[in-house]
């Protein structure tokens, strides 16, 4: 994933969150689940810094949207990864030409709001939005 792609995802997510009136923390991870971009909007929740990053890492590592795991597995996932991964809604894989190249994670709204912001960012680049 290029720097330009990362910046475009952050900008599009910020625009969607602003339009919704919901300040968000937005994280982008590369294919190895490493943080490559982050934005904390004014008014977003401090605790959402970590959750947005975990959502991006999880979506990148699994290639699937966060929030769909069986509840019994949620705690195991978090504990096994030292809280680096999560099942909270709001993480989507970044897929280019059928290949997972990273993930975007959004946090500070409801799970549905977080997912909406992430999906809008992906759609802005003509990428699949996980729906």
Protein backbone atom coordinates (compact mmCIF):
# COMPACT_ATOMS: atom_id res chain seq x y z
CA UNK A 1 0.00 0.00 0.00
CA UNK A 2 1.46 3.35 -1.00
CA UNK A 3 1.77 6.44 1.16
CA UNK A 4 -0.69 8.13 -1.20
CA UNK A 5 -3.26 5.40 -0.66
CA UNK A 6 -2.87 5.65 3.11
CA UNK A 7 -3.33 9.42 3.07
CA UNK A 8 -6.34 9.16 0.74
CA UNK A 9 -8.01 6.62 3.04
CA UNK A 10 -7.43 8.83 6.09
CA UNK A 11 -8.78 11.92 4.29
CA UNK A 12 -11.88 10.13 2.99
CA UNK A 13 -12.63 8.62 6.40
CA UNK A 14 -12.21 12.01 8.06
CA UNK A 15 -14.59 13.58 5.53
CA UNK A 16 -17.26 10.93 6.16
CA UNK A 17 -16.92 11.22 9.94
CA UNK A 18 -17.13 15.01 9.72
CA UNK A 19 -20.25 14.81 7.56
CA UNK A 20 -21.80 12.44 10.13
CA UNK A 21 -20.80 14.74 13.00
CA UNK A 22 -18.97 11.90 14.75
CA UNK A 23 -15.28 12.60 15.48
CA UNK A 24 -13.24 9.44 14.98
CA UNK A 25 -9.85 7.84 15.44
CA UNK A 26 -8.78 6.35 12.09
CA UNK A 27 -5.95 3.86 11.62
CA UNK A 28 -4.50 2.20 8.54
CA UNK A 29 -2.32 -0.91 8.73
CA UNK A 30 -0.22 -2.59 6.05
CA UNK A 31 -0.45 -6.24 5.00
CA UNK A 32 1.67 -7.22 8.01
CA UNK A 33 -0.76 -5.47 10.40
CA UNK A 34 1.76 -2.68 11.07
CA UNK A 35 0.44 0.85 11.59
CA UNK A 36 1.21 3.03 8.56
CA UNK A 37 -1.22 5.91 9.11
CA UNK A 38 -3.27 7.37 11.93
CA UNK A 39 -5.53 10.37 12.52
CA UNK A 40 -7.29 11.38 15.71
CA UNK A 41 -10.02 13.92 15.04
CA UNK A 42 -10.69 16.63 17.61
CA UNK A 43 -13.30 15.38 20.06
CA UNK A 44 -12.71 11.67 19.49
CA UNK A 45 -12.29 9.37 22.48
CA UNK A 46 -8.80 8.76 23.82
CA UNK A 47 -9.46 5.04 24.34
CA UNK A 48 -10.41 4.74 20.68
CA UNK A 49 -6.79 5.35 19.67
CA UNK A 50 -5.92 1.77 20.62
CA UNK A 51 -9.17 0.21 19.39
CA UNK A 52 -8.90 1.81 15.92
CA UNK A 53 -5.35 0.48 15.58
CA UNK A 54 -6.43 -2.99 16.74
CA UNK A 55 -9.33 -3.00 14.27
CA UNK A 56 -7.02 -2.09 11.38
CA UNK A 57 -4.47 -4.74 12.39
CA UNK A 58 -7.14 -7.41 12.77
CA UNK A 59 -8.75 -6.68 9.41
CA UNK A 60 -5.33 -6.72 7.72
CA UNK A 61 -4.24 -9.95 9.40
CA UNK A 62 -7.48 -11.86 8.87
CA UNK A 63 -8.62 -10.35 5.59
CA UNK A 64 -12.13 -10.06 6.99
CA UNK A 65 -14.24 -7.32 8.61
CA UNK A 66 -14.07 -7.12 12.38
CA UNK A 67 -17.19 -7.71 14.43
CA UNK A 68 -18.23 -11.05 12.99
CA UNK A 69 -16.42 -13.44 15.29
CA UNK A 70 -18.28 -15.71 17.69
CA UNK A 71 -18.48 -14.04 21.12
CA UNK A 72 -16.68 -16.96 22.78
CA UNK A 73 -13.61 -16.25 20.64
CA UNK A 74 -13.43 -12.49 21.28
CA UNK A 75 -11.62 -12.69 24.61
CA UNK A 76 -9.29 -15.42 23.36
CA UNK A 77 -8.31 -13.30 20.36
CA UNK A 78 -7.57 -10.25 22.50
CA UNK A 79 -5.60 -12.22 25.09
CA UNK A 80 -3.66 -14.31 22.58
CA UNK A 81 -2.50 -11.18 20.75
CA UNK A 82 -1.76 -9.00 23.76
CA UNK A 83 -4.80 -6.83 22.90
CA UNK A 84 -3.31 -6.14 19.45
CA UNK A 85 -6.37 -7.66 17.75
CA UNK A 86 -10.06 -7.20 18.42
CA UNK A 87 -13.50 -8.24 17.28
CA UNK A 88 -15.01 -4.78 17.77
CA UNK A 89 -16.93 -3.59 14.71
CA UNK A 90 -15.21 -0.97 12.56
CA UNK A 91 -12.26 -2.72 10.90
CA UNK A 92 -12.24 -3.59 7.20
CA UNK A 93 -9.57 -5.16 5.01
CA UNK A 94 -8.08 -3.08 2.21
CA UNK A 95 -8.30 -5.31 -0.86
CA UNK A 96 -6.69 -4.37 -4.17
CA UNK A 97 -7.18 -6.62 -7.20
CA UNK A 98 -8.30 -9.46 -4.94
CA UNK A 99 -5.31 -9.24 -2.59
CA UNK A 100 -5.38 -7.98 1.00
CA UNK A 101 -2.86 -5.13 1.22
CA UNK A 102 -3.86 -3.82 4.64
CA UNK A 103 -6.71 -2.79 6.87
CA UNK A 104 -8.54 0.31 8.02
CA UNK A 105 -9.90 0.65 11.53
CA UNK A 106 -12.19 3.34 12.89
CA UNK A 107 -13.24 3.95 16.48
CA UNK A 108 -15.09 6.46 18.63
CA UNK A 109 -18.65 6.12 17.40
CA UNK A 110 -20.97 3.16 17.59
CA UNK A 111 -19.79 0.01 15.84
CA UNK A 112 -22.11 0.73 12.92
CA UNK A 113 -20.84 4.32 12.64
CA UNK A 114 -17.24 3.13 12.74
CA UNK A 115 -17.89 0.61 9.98
CA UNK A 116 -19.73 3.22 7.89
CA UNK A 117 -16.72 5.53 8.02
CA UNK A 118 -14.28 2.74 7.11
CA UNK A 119 -16.50 1.57 4.24
CA UNK A 120 -16.85 5.11 2.86
CA UNK A 121 -13.07 5.49 2.81
CA UNK A 122 -12.67 2.28 0.82
CA UNK A 123 -15.46 3.19 -1.61
CA UNK A 124 -13.84 6.58 -2.23
CA UNK A 125 -10.91 4.72 -3.80
CA UNK A 126 -13.13 2.29 -5.70
CA UNK A 127 -12.19 -0.57 -3.37
CA UNK A 128 -14.50 -3.26 -1.96
CA UNK A 129 -16.11 -2.09 1.28
CA UNK A 130 -16.77 -5.46 2.89
CA UNK A 131 -20.51 -5.48 2.13
